[in-house]
PDB file of N, CA and C in Angstrom:
ATOM      1  N   MET A   1      14.259 -33.189  76.979  1.00  0.00           N
ATOM      2  CA  MET A   1      14.671 -31.886  77.429  1.00  0.00           C
ATOM      3  C   MET A   1      15.319 -31.144  76.264  1.00  0.00           C
ATOM      4  N   ASN A   2      14.806 -29.972  75.976  1.00  0.00           N
ATOM      5  CA  ASN A   2      15.296 -29.165  74.875  1.00  0.00           C
ATOM      6  C   ASN A   2      16.123 -28.014  75.431  1.00  0.00           C
ATOM      7  N   PHE A   3      17.442 -28.057  75.195  1.00  0.00           N
ATOM      8  CA  PHE A   3      18.333 -27.016  75.681  1.00  0.00           C
ATOM      9  C   PHE A   3      18.616 -26.045  74.546  1.00  0.00           C
ATOM     10  N   ARG A   4      18.258 -24.797  74.751  1.00  0.00           N
ATOM     11  CA  ARG A   4      18.467 -23.772  73.739  1.00  0.00           C
ATOM     12  C   ARG A   4      19.574 -22.834  74.208  1.00  0.00           C
ATOM     13  N   PHE A   5      20.653 -22.818  73.457  1.00  0.00           N
ATOM     14  CA  PHE A   5      21.797 -21.973  73.798  1.00  0.00           C
ATOM     15  C   PHE A   5      21.702 -20.679  73.007  1.00  0.00           C
ATOM     16  N   SER A   6      21.734 -19.565  73.701  1.00  0.00           N
ATOM     17  CA  SER A   6      21.606 -18.285  73.028  1.00  0.00           C
ATOM     18  C   SER A   6      22.844 -17.432  73.279  1.00  0.00           C
ATOM     19  N   ALA A   7      22.941 -16.349  72.539  1.00  0.00           N
ATOM     20  CA  ALA A   7      24.057 -15.423  72.722  1.00  0.00           C
ATOM     21  C   ALA A   7      23.969 -14.763  74.094  1.00  0.00           C
ATOM     22  N   ARG A   8      22.775 -14.519  74.576  1.00  0.00           N
ATOM     23  CA  ARG A   8      22.594 -13.936  75.912  1.00  0.00           C
ATOM     24  C   ARG A   8      23.157 -14.870  76.980  1.00  0.00           C
ATOM     25  N   THR A   9      22.947 -16.163  76.816  1.00  0.00           N
ATOM     26  CA  THR A   9      23.486 -17.143  77.749  1.00  0.00           C
ATOM     27  C   THR A   9      25.013 -17.132  77.721  1.00  0.00           C
ATOM     28  N   LEU A  10      25.584 -17.017  76.531  1.00  0.00           N
ATOM     29  CA  LEU A  10      27.038 -16.961  76.419  1.00  0.00           C
ATOM     30  C   LEU A  10      27.590 -15.710  77.093  1.00  0.00           C
ATOM     31  N   VAL A  11      26.897 -14.584  76.957  1.00  0.00           N
ATOM     32  CA  VAL A  11      27.335 -13.348  77.612  1.00  0.00           C
ATOM     33  C   VAL A  11      27.293 -13.525  79.131  1.00  0.00           C
ATOM     34  N   LEU A  12      26.227 -14.099  79.641  1.00  0.00           N
ATOM     35  CA  LEU A  12      26.122 -14.308  81.087  1.00  0.00           C
ATOM     36  C   LEU A  12      27.199 -15.265  81.596  1.00  0.00           C
ATOM     37  N   ILE A  13      27.480 -16.320  80.847  1.00  0.00           N
ATOM     38  CA  ILE A  13      28.519 -17.268  81.251  1.00  0.00           C
ATOM     39  C   ILE A  13      29.890 -16.594  81.237  1.00  0.00           C
ATOM     40  N   ALA A  14      30.181 -15.829  80.181  1.00  0.00           N
ATOM     41  CA  ALA A  14      31.473 -15.137  80.098  1.00  0.00           C
ATOM     42  C   ALA A  14      31.618 -14.120  81.218  1.00  0.00           C
ATOM     43  N   MET A  15      30.533 -13.429  81.545  1.00  0.00           N
ATOM     44  CA  MET A  15      30.593 -12.439  82.621  1.00  0.00           C
ATOM     45  C   MET A  15      30.814 -13.117  83.973  1.00  0.00           C
ATOM     46  N   ILE A  16      30.148 -14.210  84.210  1.00  0.00           N
ATOM     47  CA  ILE A  16      30.317 -14.932  85.474  1.00  0.00           C
ATOM     48  C   ILE A  16      31.736 -15.491  85.583  1.00  0.00           C
ATOM     49  N   LEU A  17      32.273 -16.014  84.486  1.00  0.00           N
ATOM     50  CA  LEU A  17      33.654 -16.509  84.505  1.00  0.00           C
ATOM     51  C   LEU A  17      34.644 -15.390  84.797  1.00  0.00           C
ATOM     52  N   LEU A  18      34.437 -14.219  84.199  1.00  0.00           N
ATOM     53  CA  LEU A  18      35.318 -13.089  84.464  1.00  0.00           C
ATOM     54  C   LEU A  18      35.193 -12.637  85.915  1.00  0.00           C
ATOM     55  N   MET A  19      33.988 -12.616  86.435  1.00  0.00           N
ATOM     56  CA  MET A  19      33.789 -12.236  87.837  1.00  0.00           C
ATOM     57  C   MET A  19      34.466 -13.230  88.783  1.00  0.00           C
ATOM     58  N   LEU A  20      34.313 -14.510  88.501  1.00  0.00           N
ATOM     59  CA  LEU A  20      34.946 -15.528  89.348  1.00  0.00           C
ATOM     60  C   LEU A  20      36.464 -15.442  89.288  1.00  0.00           C
ATOM     61  N   TRP A  21      37.007 -15.182  88.088  1.00  0.00           N
ATOM     62  CA  TRP A  21      38.455 -15.060  87.982  1.00  0.00           C
ATOM     63  C   TRP A  21      38.957 -13.849  88.762  1.00  0.00           C
ATOM     64  N   LEU A  22      38.278 -12.708  88.629  1.00  0.00           N
ATOM     65  CA  LEU A  22      38.704 -11.516  89.363  1.00  0.00           C
ATOM     66  C   LEU A  22      38.586 -11.730  90.870  1.00  0.00           C
ATOM     67  N   LEU A  23      37.548 -12.430  91.289  1.00  0.00           N
ATOM     68  CA  LEU A  23      37.386 -12.738  92.708  1.00  0.00           C
ATOM     69  C   LEU A  23      38.533 -13.612  93.206  1.00  0.00           C
ATOM     70  N   LEU A  24      38.892 -14.621  92.442  1.00  0.00           N
ATOM     71  CA  LEU A  24      39.995 -15.499  92.824  1.00  0.00           C
ATOM     72  C   LEU A  24      41.332 -14.757  92.798  1.00  0.00           C
ATOM     73  N   TRP A  25      41.582 -14.031  91.718  1.00  0.00           N
ATOM     74  CA  TRP A  25      42.874 -13.370  91.553  1.00  0.00           C
ATOM     75  C   TRP A  25      43.059 -12.218  92.538  1.00  0.00           C
ATOM     76  N   LEU A  26      42.106 -11.302  92.570  1.00  0.00           N
ATOM     77  CA  LEU A  26      42.257 -10.121  93.420  1.00  0.00           C
ATOM     78  C   LEU A  26      41.912 -10.394  94.883  1.00  0.00           C
ATOM     79  N   GLY A  27      41.135 -11.423  95.120  1.00  0.00           N
ATOM     80  CA  GLY A  27      40.735 -11.709  96.485  1.00  0.00           C
ATOM     81  C   GLY A  27      41.671 -12.644  97.232  1.00  0.00           C
ATOM     82  N   PHE A  28      42.300 -13.572  96.509  1.00  0.00           N
ATOM     83  CA  PHE A  28      43.083 -14.593  97.198  1.00  0.00           C
ATOM     84  C   PHE A  28      44.521 -14.733  96.695  1.00  0.00           C
ATOM     85  N   LEU A  29      44.765 -14.555  95.405  1.00  0.00           N
ATOM     86  CA  LEU A  29      46.088 -14.826  94.851  1.00  0.00           C
ATOM     87  C   LEU A  29      47.034 -13.635  94.905  1.00  0.00           C
ATOM     88  N   THR A  30      46.543 -12.467  95.194  1.00  0.00           N
ATOM     89  CA  THR A  30      47.398 -11.285  95.226  1.00  0.00           C
ATOM     90  C   THR A  30      48.120 -11.166  96.564  1.00  0.00           C
ATOM     91  N   HIS A  31      49.216 -10.441  96.552  1.00  0.00           N
ATOM     92  CA  HIS A  31      50.028 -10.278  97.760  1.00  0.00           C
ATOM     93  C   HIS A  31      49.801  -8.908  98.386  1.00  0.00           C
ATOM     94  N   ALA A  32      48.569  -8.533  98.532  1.00  0.00           N
ATOM     95  CA  ALA A  32      48.232  -7.240  99.124  1.00  0.00           C
ATOM     96  C   ALA A  32      47.582  -7.473 100.482  1.00  0.00           C
ATOM     97  N   ASP A  33      47.492  -6.406 101.252  1.00  0.00           N
ATOM     98  CA  ASP A  33      46.823  -6.551 102.541  1.00  0.00           C
ATOM     99  C   ASP A  33      45.305  -6.582 102.336  1.00  0.00           C
ATOM    100  N   ARG A  34      44.589  -6.842 103.389  1.00  0.00           N
ATOM    101  CA  ARG A  34      43.144  -7.083 103.317  1.00  0.00           C
ATOM    102  C   ARG A  34      42.368  -5.882 102.787  1.00  0.00           C
ATOM    103  N   GLN A  35      42.708  -4.683 103.245  1.00  0.00           N
ATOM    104  CA  GLN A  35      41.977  -3.491 102.810  1.00  0.00           C
ATOM    105  C   GLN A  35      42.183  -3.212 101.324  1.00  0.00           C
ATOM    106  N   GLN A  36      43.384  -3.417 100.822  1.00  0.00           N
ATOM    107  CA  GLN A  36      43.630  -3.230  99.396  1.00  0.00           C
ATOM    108  C   GLN A  36      42.864  -4.249  98.566  1.00  0.00           C
ATOM    109  N   ARG A  37      42.836  -5.494  99.017  1.00  0.00           N
ATOM    110  CA  ARG A  37      42.094  -6.524  98.280  1.00  0.00           C
ATOM    111  C   ARG A  37      40.615  -6.200  98.212  1.00  0.00           C
ATOM    112  N   ILE A  38      40.058  -5.718  99.324  1.00  0.00           N
ATOM    113  CA  ILE A  38      38.639  -5.369  99.339  1.00  0.00           C
ATOM    114  C   ILE A  38      38.355  -4.220  98.383  1.00  0.00           C
ATOM    115  N   LEU A  39      39.223  -3.210  98.380  1.00  0.00           N
ATOM    116  CA  LEU A  39      39.042  -2.080  97.472  1.00  0.00           C
ATOM    117  C   LEU A  39      39.166  -2.519  96.017  1.00  0.00           C
ATOM    118  N   TRP A  40      40.167  -3.337  95.694  1.00  0.00           N
ATOM    119  CA  TRP A  40      40.330  -3.820  94.326  1.00  0.00           C
ATOM    120  C   TRP A  40      39.142  -4.659  93.879  1.00  0.00           C
ATOM    121  N   LEU A  41      38.647  -5.514  94.771  1.00  0.00           N
ATOM    122  CA  LEU A  41      37.476  -6.327  94.425  1.00  0.00           C
ATOM    123  C   LEU A  41      36.254  -5.462  94.186  1.00  0.00           C
ATOM    124  N   LEU A  42      36.064  -4.473  95.015  1.00  0.00           N
ATOM    125  CA  LEU A  42      34.927  -3.578  94.851  1.00  0.00           C
ATOM    126  C   LEU A  42      35.003  -2.837  93.518  1.00  0.00           C
ATOM    127  N   LEU A  43      36.182  -2.300  93.200  1.00  0.00           N
ATOM    128  CA  LEU A  43      36.343  -1.557  91.952  1.00  0.00           C
ATOM    129  C   LEU A  43      36.265  -2.452  90.720  1.00  0.00           C
ATOM    130  N   ALA A  44      36.655  -3.700  90.850  1.00  0.00           N
ATOM    131  CA  ALA A  44      36.640  -4.616  89.710  1.00  0.00           C
ATOM    132  C   ALA A  44      35.280  -5.275  89.499  1.00  0.00           C
ATOM    133  N   LEU A  45      34.587  -5.600  90.575  1.00  0.00           N
ATOM    134  CA  LEU A  45      33.347  -6.369  90.443  1.00  0.00           C
ATOM    135  C   LEU A  45      32.081  -5.524  90.373  1.00  0.00           C
ATOM    136  N   LEU A  46      32.118  -4.317  90.890  1.00  0.00           N
ATOM    137  CA  LEU A  46      30.921  -3.479  90.889  1.00  0.00           C
ATOM    138  C   LEU A  46      30.415  -3.173  89.476  1.00  0.00           C
ATOM    139  N   PRO A  47      31.278  -2.761  88.526  1.00  0.00           N
ATOM    140  CA  PRO A  47      30.755  -2.529  87.170  1.00  0.00           C
ATOM    141  C   PRO A  47      30.166  -3.789  86.541  1.00  0.00           C
ATOM    142  N   LEU A  48      30.795  -4.933  86.775  1.00  0.00           N
ATOM    143  CA  LEU A  48      30.248  -6.179  86.230  1.00  0.00           C
ATOM    144  C   LEU A  48      28.905  -6.522  86.857  1.00  0.00           C
ATOM    145  N   ALA A  49      28.761  -6.273  88.140  1.00  0.00           N
ATOM    146  CA  ALA A  49      27.491  -6.563  88.810  1.00  0.00           C
ATOM    147  C   ALA A  49      26.383  -5.642  88.306  1.00  0.00           C
ATOM    148  N   ILE A  50      26.697  -4.377  88.080  1.00  0.00           N
ATOM    149  CA  ILE A  50      25.676  -3.439  87.592  1.00  0.00           C
ATOM    150  C   ILE A  50      25.214  -3.826  86.189  1.00  0.00           C
ATOM    151  N   VAL A  51      26.164  -4.077  85.287  1.00  0.00           N
ATOM    152  CA  VAL A  51      25.780  -4.469  83.928  1.00  0.00           C
ATOM    153  C   VAL A  51      25.135  -5.851  83.937  1.00  0.00           C
ATOM    154  N   GLY A  52      25.592  -6.725  84.814  1.00  0.00           N
ATOM    155  CA  GLY A  52      24.982  -8.050  84.928  1.00  0.00           C
ATOM    156  C   GLY A  52      23.523  -7.993  85.335  1.00  0.00           C
ATOM    157  N   TYR A  53      23.176  -7.042  86.198  1.00  0.00           N
ATOM    158  CA  TYR A  53      21.772  -6.862  86.580  1.00  0.00           C
ATOM    159  C   TYR A  53      20.920  -6.528  85.356  1.00  0.00           C
ATOM    160  N   PHE A  54      21.407  -5.608  84.532  1.00  0.00           N
ATOM    161  CA  PHE A  54      20.647  -5.220  83.346  1.00  0.00           C
ATOM    162  C   PHE A  54      20.634  -6.332  82.300  1.00  0.00           C
ATOM    163  N   LEU A  55      21.711  -7.115  82.216  1.00  0.00           N
ATOM    164  CA  LEU A  55      21.714  -8.266  81.313  1.00  0.00           C
ATOM    165  C   LEU A  55      20.705  -9.318  81.760  1.00  0.00           C
ATOM    166  N   TRP A  56      20.658  -9.551  83.050  1.00  0.00           N
ATOM    167  CA  TRP A  56      19.747 -10.558  83.585  1.00  0.00           C
ATOM    168  C   TRP A  56      18.294 -10.204  83.291  1.00  0.00           C
ATOM    169  N   HIS A  57      17.988  -8.907  83.358  1.00  0.00           N
ATOM    170  CA  HIS A  57      16.620  -8.450  83.085  1.00  0.00           C
ATOM    171  C   HIS A  57      16.410  -8.110  81.611  1.00  0.00           C
ATOM    172  N   ASP A  58      17.376  -8.413  80.766  1.00  0.00           N
ATOM    173  CA  ASP A  58      17.284  -8.317  79.307  1.00  0.00           C
ATOM    174  C   ASP A  58      16.927  -6.911  78.827  1.00  0.00           C
ATOM    175  N   HIS A  59      17.635  -5.916  79.348  1.00  0.00           N
ATOM    176  CA  HIS A  59      17.431  -4.543  78.895  1.00  0.00           C
ATOM    177  C   HIS A  59      18.111  -4.346  77.541  1.00  0.00           C
ATOM    178  N   LYS A  60      17.602  -3.413  76.789  1.00  0.00           N
ATOM    179  CA  LYS A  60      18.012  -3.236  75.402  1.00  0.00           C
ATOM    180  C   LYS A  60      19.486  -2.884  75.227  1.00  0.00           C
ATOM    181  N   GLY A  61      19.993  -1.916  75.949  1.00  0.00           N
ATOM    182  CA  GLY A  61      21.359  -1.452  75.745  1.00  0.00           C
ATOM    183  C   GLY A  61      22.418  -2.178  76.546  1.00  0.00           C
ATOM    184  N   SER A  62      22.038  -3.202  77.273  1.00  0.00           N
ATOM    185  CA  SER A  62      22.993  -3.859  78.172  1.00  0.00           C
ATOM    186  C   SER A  62      24.112  -4.579  77.429  1.00  0.00           C
ATOM    187  N   PHE A  63      23.846  -5.109  76.236  1.00  0.00           N
ATOM    188  CA  PHE A  63      24.899  -5.808  75.493  1.00  0.00           C
ATOM    189  C   PHE A  63      25.949  -4.832  74.967  1.00  0.00           C
ATOM    190  N   ALA A  64      25.521  -3.650  74.556  1.00  0.00           N
ATOM    191  CA  ALA A  64      26.485  -2.641  74.105  1.00  0.00           C
ATOM    192  C   ALA A  64      27.357  -2.180  75.267  1.00  0.00           C
ATOM    193  N   TRP A  65      26.745  -1.936  76.424  1.00  0.00           N
ATOM    194  CA  TRP A  65      27.529  -1.527  77.594  1.00  0.00           C
ATOM    195  C   TRP A  65      28.467  -2.634  78.036  1.00  0.00           C
ATOM    196  N   CYS A  66      28.040  -3.859  77.895  1.00  0.00           N
ATOM    197  CA  CYS A  66      28.885  -4.996  78.258  1.00  0.00           C
ATOM    198  C   CYS A  66      30.121  -5.051  77.351  1.00  0.00           C
ATOM    199  N   GLY A  67      29.934  -4.776  76.066  1.00  0.00           N
ATOM    200  CA  GLY A  67      31.058  -4.747  75.142  1.00  0.00           C
ATOM    201  C   GLY A  67      32.036  -3.631  75.457  1.00  0.00           C
ATOM    202  N   PHE A  68      31.513  -2.439  75.767  1.00  0.00           N
ATOM    203  CA  PHE A  68      32.386  -1.324  76.139  1.00  0.00           C
ATOM    204  C   PHE A  68      33.163  -1.644  77.414  1.00  0.00           C
ATOM    205  N   MET A  69      32.485  -2.227  78.369  1.00  0.00           N
ATOM    206  CA  MET A  69      33.111  -2.546  79.642  1.00  0.00           C
ATOM    207  C   MET A  69      34.189  -3.631  79.473  1.00  0.00           C
ATOM    208  N   ALA A  70      33.947  -4.592  78.587  1.00  0.00           N
ATOM    209  CA  ALA A  70      34.923  -5.653  78.346  1.00  0.00           C
ATOM    210  C   ALA A  70      36.229  -5.082  77.810  1.00  0.00           C
ATOM    211  N   LEU A  71      36.154  -3.998  77.050  1.00  0.00           N
ATOM    212  CA  LEU A  71      37.375  -3.378  76.534  1.00  0.00           C
ATOM    213  C   LEU A  71      38.217  -2.793  77.663  1.00  0.00           C
ATOM    214  N   GLY A  72      37.588  -2.293  78.692  1.00  0.00           N
ATOM    215  CA  GLY A  72      38.329  -1.796  79.853  1.00  0.00           C
ATOM    216  C   GLY A  72      39.053  -2.904  80.589  1.00  0.00           C
ATOM    217  N   TYR A  73      38.381  -4.039  80.767  1.00  0.00           N
ATOM    218  CA  TYR A  73      39.025  -5.180  81.414  1.00  0.00           C
ATOM    219  C   TYR A  73      40.146  -5.742  80.532  1.00  0.00           C
ATOM    220  N   PHE A  74      39.955  -5.677  79.218  1.00  0.00           N
ATOM    221  CA  PHE A  74      41.009  -6.089  78.290  1.00  0.00           C
ATOM    222  C   PHE A  74      42.246  -5.208  78.452  1.00  0.00           C
ATOM    223  N   ALA A  75      42.035  -3.899  78.508  1.00  0.00           N
ATOM    224  CA  ALA A  75      43.159  -2.969  78.662  1.00  0.00           C
ATOM    225  C   ALA A  75      43.894  -3.200  79.977  1.00  0.00           C
ATOM    226  N   GLN A  76      43.146  -3.439  81.029  1.00  0.00           N
ATOM    227  CA  GLN A  76      43.777  -3.695  82.323  1.00  0.00           C
ATOM    228  C   GLN A  76      44.569  -5.000  82.296  1.00  0.00           C
ATOM    229  N   GLY A  77      44.023  -6.023  81.652  1.00  0.00           N
ATOM    230  CA  GLY A  77      44.720  -7.302  81.548  1.00  0.00           C
ATOM    231  C   GLY A  77      45.997  -7.204  80.725  1.00  0.00           C
ATOM    232  N   VAL A  78      45.955  -6.448  79.632  1.00  0.00           N
ATOM    233  CA  VAL A  78      47.149  -6.254  78.811  1.00  0.00           C
ATOM    234  C   VAL A  78      48.210  -5.494  79.602  1.00  0.00           C
ATOM    235  N   THR A  79      47.790  -4.477  80.340  1.00  0.00           N
ATOM    236  CA  THR A  79      48.733  -3.700  81.144  1.00  0.00           C
ATOM    237  C   THR A  79      49.423  -4.579  82.183  1.00  0.00           C
ATOM    238  N   VAL A  80      48.652  -5.410  82.873  1.00  0.00           N
ATOM    239  CA  VAL A  80      49.234  -6.298  83.881  1.00  0.00           C
ATOM    240  C   VAL A  80      50.152  -7.328  83.228  1.00  0.00           C
ATOM    241  N   THR A  81      49.741  -7.864  82.096  1.00  0.00           N
ATOM    242  CA  THR A  81      50.547  -8.875  81.412  1.00  0.00           C
ATOM    243  C   THR A  81      51.897  -8.316  80.970  1.00  0.00           C
ATOM    244  N   LEU A  82      51.906  -7.094  80.488  1.00  0.00           N
ATOM    245  CA  LEU A  82      53.137  -6.522  79.962  1.00  0.00           C
ATOM    246  C   LEU A  82      54.029  -5.870  81.012  1.00  0.00           C
ATOM    247  N   THR A  83      53.477  -5.521  82.166  1.00  0.00           N
ATOM    248  CA  THR A  83      54.282  -4.788  83.147  1.00  0.00           C
ATOM    249  C   THR A  83      54.673  -5.600  84.377  1.00  0.00           C
ATOM    250  N   SER A  84      54.015  -6.698  84.649  1.00  0.00           N
ATOM    251  CA  SER A  84      54.289  -7.456  85.859  1.00  0.00           C
ATOM    252  C   SER A  84      54.693  -8.886  85.513  1.00  0.00           C
ATOM    253  N   LYS A  85      55.895  -9.265  85.884  1.00  0.00           N
ATOM    254  CA  LYS A  85      56.341 -10.629  85.604  1.00  0.00           C
ATOM    255  C   LYS A  85      55.643 -11.644  86.500  1.00  0.00           C
ATOM    256  N   SER A  86      55.341 -11.259  87.720  1.00  0.00           N
ATOM    257  CA  SER A  86      54.720 -12.210  88.641  1.00  0.00           C
ATOM    258  C   SER A  86      53.233 -12.427  88.344  1.00  0.00           C
ATOM    259  N   ASP A  87      52.565 -11.430  87.783  1.00  0.00           N
ATOM    260  CA  ASP A  87      51.134 -11.547  87.497  1.00  0.00           C
ATOM    261  C   ASP A  87      50.827 -11.649  86.007  1.00  0.00           C
ATOM    262  N   ALA A  88      51.813 -11.954  85.189  1.00  0.00           N
ATOM    263  CA  ALA A  88      51.606 -11.999  83.744  1.00  0.00           C
ATOM    264  C   ALA A  88      50.590 -13.077  83.349  1.00  0.00           C
ATOM    265  N   GLY A  89      50.647 -14.221  83.991  1.00  0.00           N
ATOM    266  CA  GLY A  89      49.680 -15.285  83.692  1.00  0.00           C
ATOM    267  C   GLY A  89      48.272 -14.906  84.086  1.00  0.00           C
ATOM    268  N   SER A  90      48.134 -14.254  85.214  1.00  0.00           N
ATOM    269  CA  SER A  90      46.811 -13.809  85.659  1.00  0.00           C
ATOM    270  C   SER A  90      46.245 -12.754  84.727  1.00  0.00           C
ATOM    271  N   GLY A  91      47.093 -11.860  84.264  1.00  0.00           N
ATOM    272  CA  GLY A  91      46.651 -10.854  83.307  1.00  0.00           C
ATOM    273  C   GLY A  91      46.249 -11.468  81.981  1.00  0.00           C
ATOM    274  N   ALA A  92      46.965 -12.514  81.561  1.00  0.00           N
ATOM    275  CA  ALA A  92      46.629 -13.197  80.311  1.00  0.00           C
ATOM    276  C   ALA A  92      45.262 -13.877  80.403  1.00  0.00           C
ATOM    277  N   VAL A  93      44.946 -14.439  81.549  1.00  0.00           N
ATOM    278  CA  VAL A  93      43.624 -15.048  81.739  1.00  0.00           C
ATOM    279  C   VAL A  93      42.546 -13.968  81.659  1.00  0.00           C
ATOM    280  N   GLU A  94      42.800 -12.813  82.253  1.00  0.00           N
ATOM    281  CA  GLU A  94      41.837 -11.717  82.186  1.00  0.00           C
ATOM    282  C   GLU A  94      41.660 -11.225  80.749  1.00  0.00           C
ATOM    283  N   VAL A  95      42.749 -11.180  79.979  1.00  0.00           N
ATOM    284  CA  VAL A  95      42.655 -10.791  78.573  1.00  0.00           C
ATOM    285  C   VAL A  95      41.771 -11.770  77.816  1.00  0.00           C
ATOM    286  N   PHE A  96      41.999 -13.058  78.021  1.00  0.00           N
ATOM    287  CA  PHE A  96      41.188 -14.076  77.335  1.00  0.00           C
ATOM    288  C   PHE A  96      39.712 -13.955  77.704  1.00  0.00           C
ATOM    289  N   LEU A  97      39.413 -13.832  78.996  1.00  0.00           N
ATOM    290  CA  LEU A  97      38.012 -13.767  79.427  1.00  0.00           C
ATOM    291  C   LEU A  97      37.342 -12.476  78.971  1.00  0.00           C
ATOM    292  N   SER A  98      38.069 -11.376  78.934  1.00  0.00           N
ATOM    293  CA  SER A  98      37.465 -10.132  78.459  1.00  0.00           C
ATOM    294  C   SER A  98      37.206 -10.186  76.952  1.00  0.00           C
ATOM    295  N   LEU A  99      38.094 -10.839  76.200  1.00  0.00           N
ATOM    296  CA  LEU A  99      37.836 -11.013  74.766  1.00  0.00           C
ATOM    297  C   LEU A  99      36.642 -11.929  74.531  1.00  0.00           C
ATOM    298  N   LEU A 100      36.511 -12.955  75.354  1.00  0.00           N
ATOM    299  CA  LEU A 100      35.339 -13.828  75.259  1.00  0.00           C
ATOM    300  C   LEU A 100      34.056 -13.046  75.545  1.00  0.00           C
ATOM    301  N   LEU A 101      34.102 -12.200  76.558  1.00  0.00           N
ATOM    302  CA  LEU A 101      32.936 -11.381  76.892  1.00  0.00           C
ATOM    303  C   LEU A 101      32.614 -10.411  75.769  1.00  0.00           C
ATOM    304  N   PHE A 102      33.629  -9.784  75.182  1.00  0.00           N
ATOM    305  CA  PHE A 102      33.398  -8.852  74.082  1.00  0.00           C
ATOM    306  C   PHE A 102      32.803  -9.563  72.869  1.00  0.00           C
ATOM    307  N   ALA A 103      33.340 -10.725  72.533  1.00  0.00           N
ATOM    308  CA  ALA A 103      32.829 -11.483  71.389  1.00  0.00           C
ATOM    309  C   ALA A 103      31.394 -11.936  71.630  1.00  0.00           C
ATOM    310  N   ALA A 104      31.097 -12.358  72.848  1.00  0.00           N
ATOM    311  CA  ALA A 104      29.735 -12.793  73.163  1.00  0.00           C
ATOM    312  C   ALA A 104      28.765 -11.619  73.108  1.00  0.00           C
ATOM    313  N   ALA A 105      29.172 -10.456  73.617  1.00  0.00           N
ATOM    314  CA  ALA A 105      28.302  -9.283  73.571  1.00  0.00           C
ATOM    315  C   ALA A 105      28.070  -8.838  72.127  1.00  0.00           C
ATOM    316  N   SER A 106      29.102  -8.921  71.301  1.00  0.00           N
ATOM    317  CA  SER A 106      28.950  -8.580  69.885  1.00  0.00           C
ATOM    318  C   SER A 106      27.998  -9.553  69.182  1.00  0.00           C
ATOM    319  N   ALA A 107      28.129 -10.839  69.491  1.00  0.00           N
ATOM    320  CA  ALA A 107      27.224 -11.837  68.907  1.00  0.00           C
ATOM    321  C   ALA A 107      25.787 -11.612  69.352  1.00  0.00           C
ATOM    322  N   ALA A 108      25.615 -11.233  70.610  1.00  0.00           N
ATOM    323  CA  ALA A 108      24.251 -10.976  71.116  1.00  0.00           C
ATOM    324  C   ALA A 108      23.655  -9.743  70.433  1.00  0.00           C
ATOM    325  N   LEU A 109      24.461  -8.725  70.201  1.00  0.00           N
ATOM    326  CA  LEU A 109      23.960  -7.542  69.495  1.00  0.00           C
ATOM    327  C   LEU A 109      23.570  -7.877  68.054  1.00  0.00           C
ATOM    328  N   ARG A 110      24.378  -8.691  67.420  1.00  0.00           N
ATOM    329  CA  ARG A 110      24.047  -9.077  66.036  1.00  0.00           C
ATOM    330  C   ARG A 110      22.797  -9.951  65.989  1.00  0.00           C
ATOM    331  N   ALA A 111      22.615 -10.800  66.966  1.00  0.00           N
ATOM    332  CA  ALA A 111      21.438 -11.675  66.997  1.00  0.00           C
ATOM    333  C   ALA A 111      20.162 -10.885  67.239  1.00  0.00           C
ATOM    334  N   ARG A 112      20.263  -9.754  67.908  1.00  0.00           N
ATOM    335  CA  ARG A 112      19.080  -8.946  68.198  1.00  0.00           C
ATOM    336  C   ARG A 112      18.624  -8.114  67.010  1.00  0.00           C
ATOM    337  N   ARG A 113      19.466  -7.929  66.014  1.00  0.00           N
ATOM    338  CA  ARG A 113      19.094  -7.094  64.861  1.00  0.00           C
ATOM    339  C   ARG A 113      18.145  -7.785  63.952  1.00  0.00           C
TER     340      ARG A 113
END
């Protein structure tokens, strides 16, 4: 069995990890009511799902959009880490996963050149 690891695979793995973390954090670990959790999950996961669709079908500009989008999740994670003592660890995990996604998207763009 020949396993070939590519930058596209790393981007998909990083995106899935970020989606799973946001689902766990915003869906179950937060202290909000049900309607707020649903709204936060929708706003957090919808952009990842849209870009993930284009990544899955290997569209040309999807890696660049993934990198831009990762910067938004990075900014949100930094904001949560610096402003909330109770969610600082959760924000730090989001910062790490968004940086992983950005680095993977950058590597995929470089590999395509």
